[in-house]
PDB file of N, CA and C in Angstrom:
ATOM      1  N   UNK A   1       0.840  -1.281  -0.140  1.00  0.00           N
ATOM      2  CA  UNK A   1       0.571   0.317   0.333  1.00  0.00           C
ATOM      3  C   UNK A   1       1.334   0.804   0.131  1.00  0.00           C
ATOM      4  N   UNK A   2       0.177   2.501  -1.003  1.00  0.00           N
ATOM      5  CA  UNK A   2       1.969   3.890  -0.962  1.00  0.00           C
ATOM      6  C   UNK A   2       0.494   4.694   0.118  1.00  0.00           C
ATOM      7  N   UNK A   3       1.714   5.232   0.341  1.00  0.00           N
ATOM      8  CA  UNK A   3       1.493   6.449   1.106  1.00  0.00           C
ATOM      9  C   UNK A   3       0.667   7.994   1.354  1.00  0.00           C
ATOM     10  N   UNK A   4       0.107   8.078   0.585  1.00  0.00           N
ATOM     11  CA  UNK A   4      -1.304   9.472  -0.039  1.00  0.00           C
ATOM     12  C   UNK A   4       0.215  10.883   0.997  1.00  0.00           C
ATOM     13  N   UNK A   5       0.101  10.944  -0.294  1.00  0.00           N
ATOM     14  CA  UNK A   5       1.063  12.006   0.734  1.00  0.00           C
ATOM     15  C   UNK A   5       0.324  13.749   0.695  1.00  0.00           C
ATOM     16  N   UNK A   6      -0.816  13.817  -0.523  1.00  0.00           N
ATOM     17  CA  UNK A   6      -1.679  14.731  -0.734  1.00  0.00           C
ATOM     18  C   UNK A   6      -2.861  14.964  -0.009  1.00  0.00           C
ATOM     19  N   UNK A   7      -3.137  13.406   0.493  1.00  0.00           N
ATOM     20  CA  UNK A   7      -5.032  13.545   1.835  1.00  0.00           C
ATOM     21  C   UNK A   7      -3.510  14.574   2.790  1.00  0.00           C
ATOM     22  N   UNK A   8      -4.424  15.580   3.218  1.00  0.00           N
ATOM     23  CA  UNK A   8      -4.633  16.789   4.168  1.00  0.00           C
ATOM     24  C   UNK A   8      -4.918  15.747   5.881  1.00  0.00           C
ATOM     25  N   UNK A   9      -4.665  14.268   5.822  1.00  0.00           N
ATOM     26  CA  UNK A   9      -5.387  13.355   6.951  1.00  0.00           C
ATOM     27  C   UNK A   9      -3.989  13.340   6.968  1.00  0.00           C
ATOM     28  N   UNK A  10      -3.325  12.752   6.336  1.00  0.00           N
ATOM     29  CA  UNK A  10      -1.665  12.257   6.040  1.00  0.00           C
ATOM     30  C   UNK A  10      -0.793  13.155   6.986  1.00  0.00           C
ATOM     31  N   UNK A  11      -0.617  13.952   5.840  1.00  0.00           N
ATOM     32  CA  UNK A  11      -0.168  15.055   5.695  1.00  0.00           C
ATOM     33  C   UNK A  11      -0.263  16.030   7.359  1.00  0.00           C
ATOM     34  N   UNK A  12      -1.066  15.828   7.824  1.00  0.00           N
ATOM     35  CA  UNK A  12      -0.910  16.240   9.415  1.00  0.00           C
ATOM     36  C   UNK A  12      -0.714  14.870  10.459  1.00  0.00           C
ATOM     37  N   UNK A  13      -0.989  13.853   9.991  1.00  0.00           N
ATOM     38  CA  UNK A  13      -0.095  12.868  10.528  1.00  0.00           C
ATOM     39  C   UNK A  13       1.366  12.829  10.717  1.00  0.00           C
ATOM     40  N   UNK A  14       1.809  13.209   9.253  1.00  0.00           N
ATOM     41  CA  UNK A  14       3.438  12.897   8.927  1.00  0.00           C
ATOM     42  C   UNK A  14       3.195  14.354  10.053  1.00  0.00           C
ATOM     43  N   UNK A  15       3.569  14.983  10.247  1.00  0.00           N
ATOM     44  CA  UNK A  15       4.017  16.561  10.422  1.00  0.00           C
ATOM     45  C   UNK A  15       3.815  16.594  12.795  1.00  0.00           C
ATOM     46  N   UNK A  16       2.797  15.789  12.754  1.00  0.00           N
ATOM     47  CA  UNK A  16       2.569  15.363  14.579  1.00  0.00           C
ATOM     48  C   UNK A  16       3.723  14.133  14.271  1.00  0.00           C
ATOM     49  N   UNK A  17       3.939  12.667  13.914  1.00  0.00           N
ATOM     50  CA  UNK A  17       4.608  12.728  14.329  1.00  0.00           C
ATOM     51  C   UNK A  17       6.228  12.537  13.565  1.00  0.00           C
ATOM     52  N   UNK A  18       6.554  13.768  13.389  1.00  0.00           N
ATOM     53  CA  UNK A  18       8.029  13.548  12.944  1.00  0.00           C
ATOM     54  C   UNK A  18       7.875  14.854  14.004  1.00  0.00           C
ATOM     55  N   UNK A  19       7.158  15.945  14.179  1.00  0.00           N
ATOM     56  CA  UNK A  19       7.725  16.901  15.697  1.00  0.00           C
ATOM     57  C   UNK A  19       7.452  15.903  16.650  1.00  0.00           C
ATOM     58  N   UNK A  20       6.904  14.731  17.198  1.00  0.00           N
ATOM     59  CA  UNK A  20       6.801  14.039  18.417  1.00  0.00           C
ATOM     60  C   UNK A  20       9.136  13.275  17.896  1.00  0.00           C
ATOM     61  N   UNK A  21       8.856  12.788  16.408  1.00  0.00           N
ATOM     62  CA  UNK A  21       9.819  11.716  16.930  1.00  0.00           C
ATOM     63  C   UNK A  21      11.067  12.816  17.146  1.00  0.00           C
ATOM     64  N   UNK A  22      11.442  13.884  16.741  1.00  0.00           N
ATOM     65  CA  UNK A  22      12.435  14.384  16.519  1.00  0.00           C
ATOM     66  C   UNK A  22      12.794  15.782  17.443  1.00  0.00           C
ATOM     67  N   UNK A  23      11.639  15.939  18.402  1.00  0.00           N
ATOM     68  CA  UNK A  23      11.392  15.831  19.794  1.00  0.00           C
ATOM     69  C   UNK A  23      11.429  14.587  20.609  1.00  0.00           C
ATOM     70  N   UNK A  24      11.292  13.668  20.720  1.00  0.00           N
ATOM     71  CA  UNK A  24      11.434  12.540  21.453  1.00  0.00           C
ATOM     72  C   UNK A  24      13.722  12.158  21.923  1.00  0.00           C
ATOM     73  N   UNK A  25      13.654  12.384  20.095  1.00  0.00           N
ATOM     74  CA  UNK A  25      15.357  11.605  19.644  1.00  0.00           C
ATOM     75  C   UNK A  25      16.207  12.860  20.347  1.00  0.00           C
ATOM     76  N   UNK A  26      16.090  13.795  20.154  1.00  0.00           N
ATOM     77  CA  UNK A  26      16.667  15.059  21.066  1.00  0.00           C
ATOM     78  C   UNK A  26      16.997  15.445  22.101  1.00  0.00           C
ATOM     79  N   UNK A  27      15.414  14.969  22.633  1.00  0.00           N
ATOM     80  CA  UNK A  27      15.244  14.736  24.278  1.00  0.00           C
ATOM     81  C   UNK A  27      15.562  14.110  25.551  1.00  0.00           C
ATOM     82  N   UNK A  28      15.308  12.280  24.850  1.00  0.00           N
ATOM     83  CA  UNK A  28      16.330  11.434  25.087  1.00  0.00           C
ATOM     84  C   UNK A  28      17.824  11.433  25.930  1.00  0.00           C
ATOM     85  N   UNK A  29      18.894  12.324  24.277  1.00  0.00           N
ATOM     86  CA  UNK A  29      19.532  12.089  23.942  1.00  0.00           C
ATOM     87  C   UNK A  29      20.494  13.306  24.956  1.00  0.00           C
ATOM     88  N   UNK A  30      19.490  13.933  24.719  1.00  0.00           N
ATOM     89  CA  UNK A  30      20.392  15.511  25.645  1.00  0.00           C
ATOM     90  C   UNK A  30      20.259  14.950  27.528  1.00  0.00           C
ATOM     91  N   UNK A  31      18.876  14.543  28.097  1.00  0.00           N
ATOM     92  CA  UNK A  31      18.641  13.936  28.838  1.00  0.00           C
ATOM     93  C   UNK A  31      19.382  13.295  29.343  1.00  0.00           C
ATOM     94  N   UNK A  32      20.125  12.384  28.614  1.00  0.00           N
ATOM     95  CA  UNK A  32      21.363  10.985  29.043  1.00  0.00           C
ATOM     96  C   UNK A  32      22.489  11.643  28.752  1.00  0.00           C
ATOM     97  N   UNK A  33      23.161  11.859  27.996  1.00  0.00           N
ATOM     98  CA  UNK A  33      23.883  13.169  28.204  1.00  0.00           C
ATOM     99  C   UNK A  33      23.985  14.029  29.244  1.00  0.00           C
ATOM    100  N   UNK A  34      23.487  15.393  29.704  1.00  0.00           N
ATOM    101  CA  UNK A  34      23.365  15.920  30.861  1.00  0.00           C
ATOM    102  C   UNK A  34      23.565  14.945  32.413  1.00  0.00           C
ATOM    103  N   UNK A  35      22.724  14.212  32.594  1.00  0.00           N
ATOM    104  CA  UNK A  35      22.362  13.511  34.017  1.00  0.00           C
ATOM    105  C   UNK A  35      24.304  12.417  33.854  1.00  0.00           C
ATOM    106  N   UNK A  36      24.062  11.292  32.991  1.00  0.00           N
ATOM    107  CA  UNK A  36      24.824  10.851  32.668  1.00  0.00           C
ATOM    108  C   UNK A  36      26.828  11.464  33.099  1.00  0.00           C
ATOM    109  N   UNK A  37      26.457  12.895  33.025  1.00  0.00           N
ATOM    110  CA  UNK A  37      27.984  13.880  33.100  1.00  0.00           C
ATOM    111  C   UNK A  37      27.405  14.304  33.932  1.00  0.00           C
ATOM    112  N   UNK A  38      26.853  14.846  34.644  1.00  0.00           N
ATOM    113  CA  UNK A  38      26.516  14.406  36.480  1.00  0.00           C
ATOM    114  C   UNK A  38      26.086  16.215  35.565  1.00  0.00           C
ATOM    115  N   UNK A  39      26.093  17.145  35.357  1.00  0.00           N
ATOM    116  CA  UNK A  39      26.065  18.736  34.544  1.00  0.00           C
ATOM    117  C   UNK A  39      24.311  19.078  35.157  1.00  0.00           C
ATOM    118  N   UNK A  40      23.154  18.277  35.207  1.00  0.00           N
ATOM    119  CA  UNK A  40      22.170  18.226  36.095  1.00  0.00           C
ATOM    120  C   UNK A  40      21.858  17.390  37.098  1.00  0.00           C
ATOM    121  N   UNK A  41      20.752  18.666  37.789  1.00  0.00           N
ATOM    122  CA  UNK A  41      21.142  17.532  39.236  1.00  0.00           C
ATOM    123  C   UNK A  41      19.699  18.603  40.200  1.00  0.00           C
ATOM    124  N   UNK A  42      18.317  17.710  40.337  1.00  0.00           N
ATOM    125  CA  UNK A  42      17.233  18.493  41.138  1.00  0.00           C
ATOM    126  C   UNK A  42      16.404  18.498  40.342  1.00  0.00           C
ATOM    127  N   UNK A  43      15.661  19.587  39.985  1.00  0.00           N
ATOM    128  CA  UNK A  43      14.208  19.170  39.709  1.00  0.00           C
ATOM    129  C   UNK A  43      14.195  19.609  37.828  1.00  0.00           C
ATOM    130  N   UNK A  44      15.353  19.853  37.629  1.00  0.00           N
ATOM    131  CA  UNK A  44      15.209  19.689  36.333  1.00  0.00           C
ATOM    132  C   UNK A  44      16.208  18.247  35.755  1.00  0.00           C
ATOM    133  N   UNK A  45      16.589  17.794  36.175  1.00  0.00           N
ATOM    134  CA  UNK A  45      16.187  15.764  36.294  1.00  0.00           C
ATOM    135  C   UNK A  45      15.049  16.017  36.347  1.00  0.00           C
ATOM    136  N   UNK A  46      13.816  16.401  36.446  1.00  0.00           N
ATOM    137  CA  UNK A  46      12.837  15.665  36.578  1.00  0.00           C
ATOM    138  C   UNK A  46      11.830  16.349  35.548  1.00  0.00           C
ATOM    139  N   UNK A  47      12.743  16.845  34.647  1.00  0.00           N
ATOM    140  CA  UNK A  47      11.554  17.946  33.277  1.00  0.00           C
ATOM    141  C   UNK A  47      12.582  16.651  32.622  1.00  0.00           C
ATOM    142  N   UNK A  48      14.278  17.311  32.310  1.00  0.00           N
ATOM    143  CA  UNK A  48      14.190  16.350  31.914  1.00  0.00           C
ATOM    144  C   UNK A  48      13.876  14.683  31.127  1.00  0.00           C
ATOM    145  N   UNK A  49      13.285  14.155  32.458  1.00  0.00           N
ATOM    146  CA  UNK A  49      12.751  12.911  31.883  1.00  0.00           C
ATOM    147  C   UNK A  49      11.898  12.793  31.860  1.00  0.00           C
ATOM    148  N   UNK A  50      11.059  14.165  32.358  1.00  0.00           N
ATOM    149  CA  UNK A  50       9.037  14.006  31.282  1.00  0.00           C
ATOM    150  C   UNK A  50       9.213  14.387  29.822  1.00  0.00           C
ATOM    151  N   UNK A  51      10.570  14.700  29.641  1.00  0.00           N
ATOM    152  CA  UNK A  51      10.010  15.529  28.232  1.00  0.00           C
ATOM    153  C   UNK A  51       9.473  14.284  27.451  1.00  0.00           C
ATOM    154  N   UNK A  52      10.830  12.962  27.158  1.00  0.00           N
ATOM    155  CA  UNK A  52      10.750  12.064  25.808  1.00  0.00           C
ATOM    156  C   UNK A  52       9.506  11.031  26.986  1.00  0.00           C
ATOM    157  N   UNK A  53       9.263  10.864  27.919  1.00  0.00           N
ATOM    158  CA  UNK A  53       8.352  10.818  27.588  1.00  0.00           C
ATOM    159  C   UNK A  53       6.722  11.479  27.134  1.00  0.00           C
ATOM    160  N   UNK A  54       6.544  12.671  26.922  1.00  0.00           N
ATOM    161  CA  UNK A  54       5.618  13.063  27.541  1.00  0.00           C
ATOM    162  C   UNK A  54       5.308  13.399  25.086  1.00  0.00           C
ATOM    163  N   UNK A  55       6.411  13.306  24.952  1.00  0.00           N
ATOM    164  CA  UNK A  55       7.171  13.492  24.026  1.00  0.00           C
ATOM    165  C   UNK A  55       6.001  12.012  22.636  1.00  0.00           C
ATOM    166  N   UNK A  56       5.960  10.461  23.691  1.00  0.00           N
ATOM    167  CA  UNK A  56       6.172   9.560  22.661  1.00  0.00           C
ATOM    168  C   UNK A  56       4.202   9.553  22.765  1.00  0.00           C
ATOM    169  N   UNK A  57       3.708  10.453  23.673  1.00  0.00           N
ATOM    170  CA  UNK A  57       2.081  10.270  24.148  1.00  0.00           C
ATOM    171  C   UNK A  57       1.984  11.394  22.659  1.00  0.00           C
ATOM    172  N   UNK A  58       2.727  11.831  22.061  1.00  0.00           N
ATOM    173  CA  UNK A  58       2.648  13.075  21.175  1.00  0.00           C
ATOM    174  C   UNK A  58       2.726  12.324  20.575  1.00  0.00           C
ATOM    175  N   UNK A  59       3.252  11.141  19.698  1.00  0.00           N
ATOM    176  CA  UNK A  59       2.974  10.073  18.980  1.00  0.00           C
ATOM    177  C   UNK A  59       2.080   9.590  19.029  1.00  0.00           C
ATOM    178  N   UNK A  60       1.930   9.140  19.936  1.00  0.00           N
ATOM    179  CA  UNK A  60       0.258   8.149  20.536  1.00  0.00           C
ATOM    180  C   UNK A  60      -0.821   9.496  20.017  1.00  0.00           C
ATOM    181  N   UNK A  61      -0.354  10.268  20.441  1.00  0.00           N
ATOM    182  CA  UNK A  61      -1.756  11.182  19.728  1.00  0.00           C
ATOM    183  C   UNK A  61      -1.892  10.654  18.082  1.00  0.00           C
ATOM    184  N   UNK A  62      -0.598  11.242  17.725  1.00  0.00           N
ATOM    185  CA  UNK A  62      -0.993  10.983  15.945  1.00  0.00           C
ATOM    186  C   UNK A  62      -0.915   9.953  15.851  1.00  0.00           C
ATOM    187  N   UNK A  63      -1.653   8.665  16.051  1.00  0.00           N
ATOM    188  CA  UNK A  63      -2.105   7.583  15.384  1.00  0.00           C
ATOM    189  C   UNK A  63      -3.672   8.409  15.925  1.00  0.00           C
ATOM    190  N   UNK A  64      -4.084   8.031  17.454  1.00  0.00           N
ATOM    191  CA  UNK A  64      -5.412   8.545  17.363  1.00  0.00           C
ATOM    192  C   UNK A  64      -5.850   9.490  17.036  1.00  0.00           C
ATOM    193  N   UNK A  65      -5.460  10.422  16.687  1.00  0.00           N
ATOM    194  CA  UNK A  65      -5.780  11.343  15.718  1.00  0.00           C
ATOM    195  C   UNK A  65      -6.463  11.408  14.109  1.00  0.00           C
ATOM    196  N   UNK A  66      -5.155  10.401  13.780  1.00  0.00           N
ATOM    197  CA  UNK A  66      -4.567   9.328  12.655  1.00  0.00           C
ATOM    198  C   UNK A  66      -6.115   8.591  11.719  1.00  0.00           C
ATOM    199  N   UNK A  67      -6.504   7.929  13.574  1.00  0.00           N
ATOM    200  CA  UNK A  67      -7.934   7.033  12.943  1.00  0.00           C
ATOM    201  C   UNK A  67      -9.138   8.457  13.165  1.00  0.00           C
ATOM    202  N   UNK A  68      -9.195   9.187  13.713  1.00  0.00           N
ATOM    203  CA  UNK A  68     -10.104  10.320  14.073  1.00  0.00           C
ATOM    204  C   UNK A  68     -10.461  10.830  12.454  1.00  0.00           C
ATOM    205  N   UNK A  69      -9.393  10.984  11.823  1.00  0.00           N
ATOM    206  CA  UNK A  69     -10.051  12.559  11.023  1.00  0.00           C
ATOM    207  C   UNK A  69      -9.833  11.841   9.776  1.00  0.00           C
ATOM    208  N   UNK A  70      -9.261   9.528   9.403  1.00  0.00           N
ATOM    209  CA  UNK A  70      -9.744   9.042   8.407  1.00  0.00           C
ATOM    210  C   UNK A  70     -10.451   9.388   7.496  1.00  0.00           C
ATOM    211  N   UNK A  71     -11.241   9.434   6.870  1.00  0.00           N
ATOM    212  CA  UNK A  71     -12.723   9.718   6.203  1.00  0.00           C
ATOM    213  C   UNK A  71     -13.168   8.672   5.528  1.00  0.00           C
ATOM    214  N   UNK A  72     -11.837   7.686   4.365  1.00  0.00           N
ATOM    215  CA  UNK A  72     -11.668   6.901   3.989  1.00  0.00           C
ATOM    216  C   UNK A  72     -12.326   5.297   5.346  1.00  0.00           C
ATOM    217  N   UNK A  73     -13.296   4.667   5.882  1.00  0.00           N
ATOM    218  CA  UNK A  73     -13.372   4.053   6.647  1.00  0.00           C
ATOM    219  C   UNK A  73     -12.773   2.908   6.063  1.00  0.00           C
ATOM    220  N   UNK A  74     -12.057   1.726   4.377  1.00  0.00           N
ATOM    221  CA  UNK A  74     -11.729   0.741   5.075  1.00  0.00           C
ATOM    222  C   UNK A  74     -10.586   1.277   5.398  1.00  0.00           C
ATOM    223  N   UNK A  75      -9.388   2.601   4.462  1.00  0.00           N
ATOM    224  CA  UNK A  75      -8.100   2.924   5.512  1.00  0.00           C
ATOM    225  C   UNK A  75      -8.782   2.829   6.800  1.00  0.00           C
ATOM    226  N   UNK A  76      -9.364   3.874   7.376  1.00  0.00           N
ATOM    227  CA  UNK A  76      -9.321   3.785   8.953  1.00  0.00           C
ATOM    228  C   UNK A  76      -9.632   2.048   9.907  1.00  0.00           C
ATOM    229  N   UNK A  77     -10.268   1.071   9.470  1.00  0.00           N
ATOM    230  CA  UNK A  77     -10.006  -0.863   9.578  1.00  0.00           C
ATOM    231  C   UNK A  77      -8.513  -0.615   9.500  1.00  0.00           C
ATOM    232  N   UNK A  78      -8.237  -0.728   9.155  1.00  0.00           N
ATOM    233  CA  UNK A  78      -6.919  -0.486   8.211  1.00  0.00           C
ATOM    234  C   UNK A  78      -5.601  -0.470   9.888  1.00  0.00           C
ATOM    235  N   UNK A  79      -5.498   0.484   9.145  1.00  0.00           N
ATOM    236  CA  UNK A  79      -5.069   1.567  10.524  1.00  0.00           C
ATOM    237  C   UNK A  79      -4.870   1.260  12.351  1.00  0.00           C
ATOM    238  N   UNK A  80      -6.452   1.633  12.447  1.00  0.00           N
ATOM    239  CA  UNK A  80      -6.980   0.298  13.188  1.00  0.00           C
ATOM    240  C   UNK A  80      -5.878  -0.842  13.673  1.00  0.00           C
ATOM    241  N   UNK A  81      -6.822  -1.388  13.262  1.00  0.00           N
ATOM    242  CA  UNK A  81      -6.722  -2.678  12.803  1.00  0.00           C
ATOM    243  C   UNK A  81      -4.474  -3.314  12.907  1.00  0.00           C
ATOM    244  N   UNK A  82      -4.015  -2.518  12.268  1.00  0.00           N
ATOM    245  CA  UNK A  82      -2.225  -2.253  12.896  1.00  0.00           C
ATOM    246  C   UNK A  82      -1.933  -2.303  14.106  1.00  0.00           C
ATOM    247  N   UNK A  83      -3.170  -0.815  14.229  1.00  0.00           N
ATOM    248  CA  UNK A  83      -2.544   0.114  16.076  1.00  0.00           C
ATOM    249  C   UNK A  83      -2.788  -1.883  16.086  1.00  0.00           C
ATOM    250  N   UNK A  84      -3.915  -2.519  16.877  1.00  0.00           N
ATOM    251  CA  UNK A  84      -3.978  -3.260  17.455  1.00  0.00           C
ATOM    252  C   UNK A  84      -3.350  -4.011  17.973  1.00  0.00           C
ATOM    253  N   UNK A  85      -3.032  -5.049  16.860  1.00  0.00           N
ATOM    254  CA  UNK A  85      -1.508  -5.880  15.731  1.00  0.00           C
ATOM    255  C   UNK A  85      -0.621  -5.402  16.727  1.00  0.00           C
ATOM    256  N   UNK A  86      -0.247  -3.824  16.454  1.00  0.00           N
ATOM    257  CA  UNK A  86       0.881  -3.808  17.483  1.00  0.00           C
ATOM    258  C   UNK A  86       0.466  -3.977  18.867  1.00  0.00           C
ATOM    259  N   UNK A  87      -0.235  -3.288  19.363  1.00  0.00           N
ATOM    260  CA  UNK A  87      -0.059  -2.666  21.112  1.00  0.00           C
ATOM    261  C   UNK A  87      -0.045  -4.313  20.656  1.00  0.00           C
ATOM    262  N   UNK A  88      -0.615  -5.464  21.228  1.00  0.00           N
ATOM    263  CA  UNK A  88      -1.117  -6.542  21.394  1.00  0.00           C
ATOM    264  C   UNK A  88       0.334  -7.475  21.543  1.00  0.00           C
ATOM    265  N   UNK A  89       1.033  -7.063  20.459  1.00  0.00           N
ATOM    266  CA  UNK A  89       2.233  -8.829  20.808  1.00  0.00           C
ATOM    267  C   UNK A  89       3.489  -6.956  21.800  1.00  0.00           C
ATOM    268  N   UNK A  90       3.433  -6.291  21.478  1.00  0.00           N
ATOM    269  CA  UNK A  90       4.421  -5.342  22.405  1.00  0.00           C
ATOM    270  C   UNK A  90       4.222  -5.429  23.756  1.00  0.00           C
ATOM    271  N   UNK A  91       2.011  -5.696  24.394  1.00  0.00           N
ATOM    272  CA  UNK A  91       1.870  -6.133  25.514  1.00  0.00           C
ATOM    273  C   UNK A  91       2.056  -7.180  26.227  1.00  0.00           C
ATOM    274  N   UNK A  92       1.860  -8.647  24.946  1.00  0.00           N
ATOM    275  CA  UNK A  92       2.630  -9.681  25.013  1.00  0.00           C
ATOM    276  C   UNK A  92       3.626 -10.176  25.251  1.00  0.00           C
ATOM    277  N   UNK A  93       4.609  -9.058  24.777  1.00  0.00           N
ATOM    278  CA  UNK A  93       6.262  -9.321  25.336  1.00  0.00           C
ATOM    279  C   UNK A  93       6.269  -8.529  26.056  1.00  0.00           C
ATOM    280  N   UNK A  94       5.845  -7.231  26.788  1.00  0.00           N
ATOM    281  CA  UNK A  94       6.081  -7.085  28.156  1.00  0.00           C
ATOM    282  C   UNK A  94       5.515  -7.792  29.180  1.00  0.00           C
ATOM    283  N   UNK A  95       4.244  -8.428  29.180  1.00  0.00           N
ATOM    284  CA  UNK A  95       3.994  -9.158  29.990  1.00  0.00           C
ATOM    285  C   UNK A  95       5.170 -10.620  30.337  1.00  0.00           C
ATOM    286  N   UNK A  96       5.434 -11.498  28.719  1.00  0.00           N
ATOM    287  CA  UNK A  96       5.903 -12.282  28.865  1.00  0.00           C
ATOM    288  C   UNK A  96       7.125 -11.904  30.138  1.00  0.00           C
ATOM    289  N   UNK A  97       7.962 -10.765  29.037  1.00  0.00           N
ATOM    290  CA  UNK A  97       9.512 -10.824  29.857  1.00  0.00           C
ATOM    291  C   UNK A  97       9.909 -10.308  31.340  1.00  0.00           C
ATOM    292  N   UNK A  98       7.976 -10.004  31.455  1.00  0.00           N
ATOM    293  CA  UNK A  98       7.877  -8.932  32.726  1.00  0.00           C
ATOM    294  C   UNK A  98       7.825 -10.661  33.570  1.00  0.00           C
ATOM    295  N   UNK A  99       7.739 -12.149  32.946  1.00  0.00           N
ATOM    296  CA  UNK A  99       7.423 -12.434  33.960  1.00  0.00           C
ATOM    297  C   UNK A  99       8.370 -13.543  34.811  1.00  0.00           C
ATOM    298  N   UNK A 100       9.375 -13.971  32.878  1.00  0.00           N
ATOM    299  CA  UNK A 100      10.619 -13.772  33.570  1.00  0.00           C
ATOM    300  C   UNK A 100      11.842 -12.993  33.840  1.00  0.00           C
ATOM    301  N   UNK A 101      11.735 -12.101  34.024  1.00  0.00           N
ATOM    302  CA  UNK A 101      12.244 -11.108  35.078  1.00  0.00           C
ATOM    303  C   UNK A 101      12.004 -10.847  36.435  1.00  0.00           C
ATOM    304  N   UNK A 102      11.494 -11.483  36.262  1.00  0.00           N
ATOM    305  CA  UNK A 102      10.428 -11.575  37.957  1.00  0.00           C
ATOM    306  C   UNK A 102      11.107 -13.316  38.623  1.00  0.00           C
ATOM    307  N   UNK A 103      11.505 -14.149  37.781  1.00  0.00           N
ATOM    308  CA  UNK A 103      12.125 -15.290  39.031  1.00  0.00           C
ATOM    309  C   UNK A 103      13.593 -15.570  38.258  1.00  0.00           C
ATOM    310  N   UNK A 104      14.203 -14.201  36.724  1.00  0.00           N
ATOM    311  CA  UNK A 104      15.583 -14.041  37.498  1.00  0.00           C
ATOM    312  C   UNK A 104      16.101 -15.106  36.640  1.00  0.00           C
ATOM    313  N   UNK A 105      15.357 -15.091  35.047  1.00  0.00           N
ATOM    314  CA  UNK A 105      15.781 -15.885  33.369  1.00  0.00           C
ATOM    315  C   UNK A 105      16.315 -15.146  32.477  1.00  0.00           C
ATOM    316  N   UNK A 106      15.563 -13.548  32.808  1.00  0.00           N
ATOM    317  CA  UNK A 106      16.082 -12.306  31.437  1.00  0.00           C
ATOM    318  C   UNK A 106      16.743 -11.025  33.068  1.00  0.00           C
ATOM    319  N   UNK A 107      17.413 -10.353  32.046  1.00  0.00           N
ATOM    320  CA  UNK A 107      18.043  -9.388  32.935  1.00  0.00           C
ATOM    321  C   UNK A 107      16.908  -8.206  32.653  1.00  0.00           C
ATOM    322  N   UNK A 108      16.582  -7.314  33.719  1.00  0.00           N
ATOM    323  CA  UNK A 108      16.058  -6.217  33.448  1.00  0.00           C
ATOM    324  C   UNK A 108      15.760  -5.362  31.976  1.00  0.00           C
ATOM    325  N   UNK A 109      15.048  -5.079  31.673  1.00  0.00           N
ATOM    326  CA  UNK A 109      15.028  -3.735  30.586  1.00  0.00           C
ATOM    327  C   UNK A 109      14.826  -2.113  31.162  1.00  0.00           C
ATOM    328  N   UNK A 110      13.937  -1.020  30.885  1.00  0.00           N
ATOM    329  CA  UNK A 110      13.449  -0.019  30.912  1.00  0.00           C
ATOM    330  C   UNK A 110      12.318  -0.452  30.014  1.00  0.00           C
ATOM    331  N   UNK A 111      11.254  -0.479  30.804  1.00  0.00           N
ATOM    332  CA  UNK A 111       9.543  -0.263  30.150  1.00  0.00           C
ATOM    333  C   UNK A 111       9.224   0.382  29.456  1.00  0.00           C
ATOM    334  N   UNK A 112      10.169   1.848  29.235  1.00  0.00           N
ATOM    335  CA  UNK A 112       9.794   2.408  27.578  1.00  0.00           C
ATOM    336  C   UNK A 112      10.739   1.589  27.252  1.00  0.00           C
ATOM    337  N   UNK A 113      11.313   1.357  26.623  1.00  0.00           N
ATOM    338  CA  UNK A 113      10.962   0.331  25.668  1.00  0.00           C
ATOM    339  C   UNK A 113      10.517  -0.261  25.242  1.00  0.00           C
ATOM    340  N   UNK A 114       9.467  -0.860  25.209  1.00  0.00           N
ATOM    341  CA  UNK A 114       8.166  -1.313  25.058  1.00  0.00           C
ATOM    342  C   UNK A 114       7.366  -0.093  24.034  1.00  0.00           C
ATOM    343  N   UNK A 115       7.299   1.105  24.675  1.00  0.00           N
ATOM    344  CA  UNK A 115       5.956   1.930  24.001  1.00  0.00           C
ATOM    345  C   UNK A 115       7.712   2.607  22.625  1.00  0.00           C
ATOM    346  N   UNK A 116       8.421   2.237  22.090  1.00  0.00           N
ATOM    347  CA  UNK A 116       9.262   2.735  21.861  1.00  0.00           C
ATOM    348  C   UNK A 116       9.249   1.414  20.584  1.00  0.00           C
ATOM    349  N   UNK A 117       9.474   1.065  21.295  1.00  0.00           N
ATOM    350  CA  UNK A 117       9.275  -0.725  19.789  1.00  0.00           C
ATOM    351  C   UNK A 117       7.344  -0.818  18.876  1.00  0.00           C
ATOM    352  N   UNK A 118       6.652  -0.867  19.912  1.00  0.00           N
ATOM    353  CA  UNK A 118       5.343  -0.158  19.642  1.00  0.00           C
ATOM    354  C   UNK A 118       5.672   0.815  18.012  1.00  0.00           C
TER     355      UNK A 118
END
């Protein structure tokens, strides 16, 4: 299936997702650099930690708005199906990994990796 760049809905989606991904990438790298080198402390660390998380919420928002604004019902159904399958796989992986981790069979991974992989 080809992406329709002429659709206003799709252009808005690309804009939203693009902004969110750039903010996430820059904020995450900057926060890791600043905190691992001890350049910030106190409440500023909280702010730096929240920015990438809020950017991930922006990605979820972009998907939700794409579904809501999509006028073609067939395309909307395909997007909903993709999101449901991706969510099911991500939650299944996180659940199984959590039990394996609980019993000391695998090492710890940060939960935000599940959202990134989703």
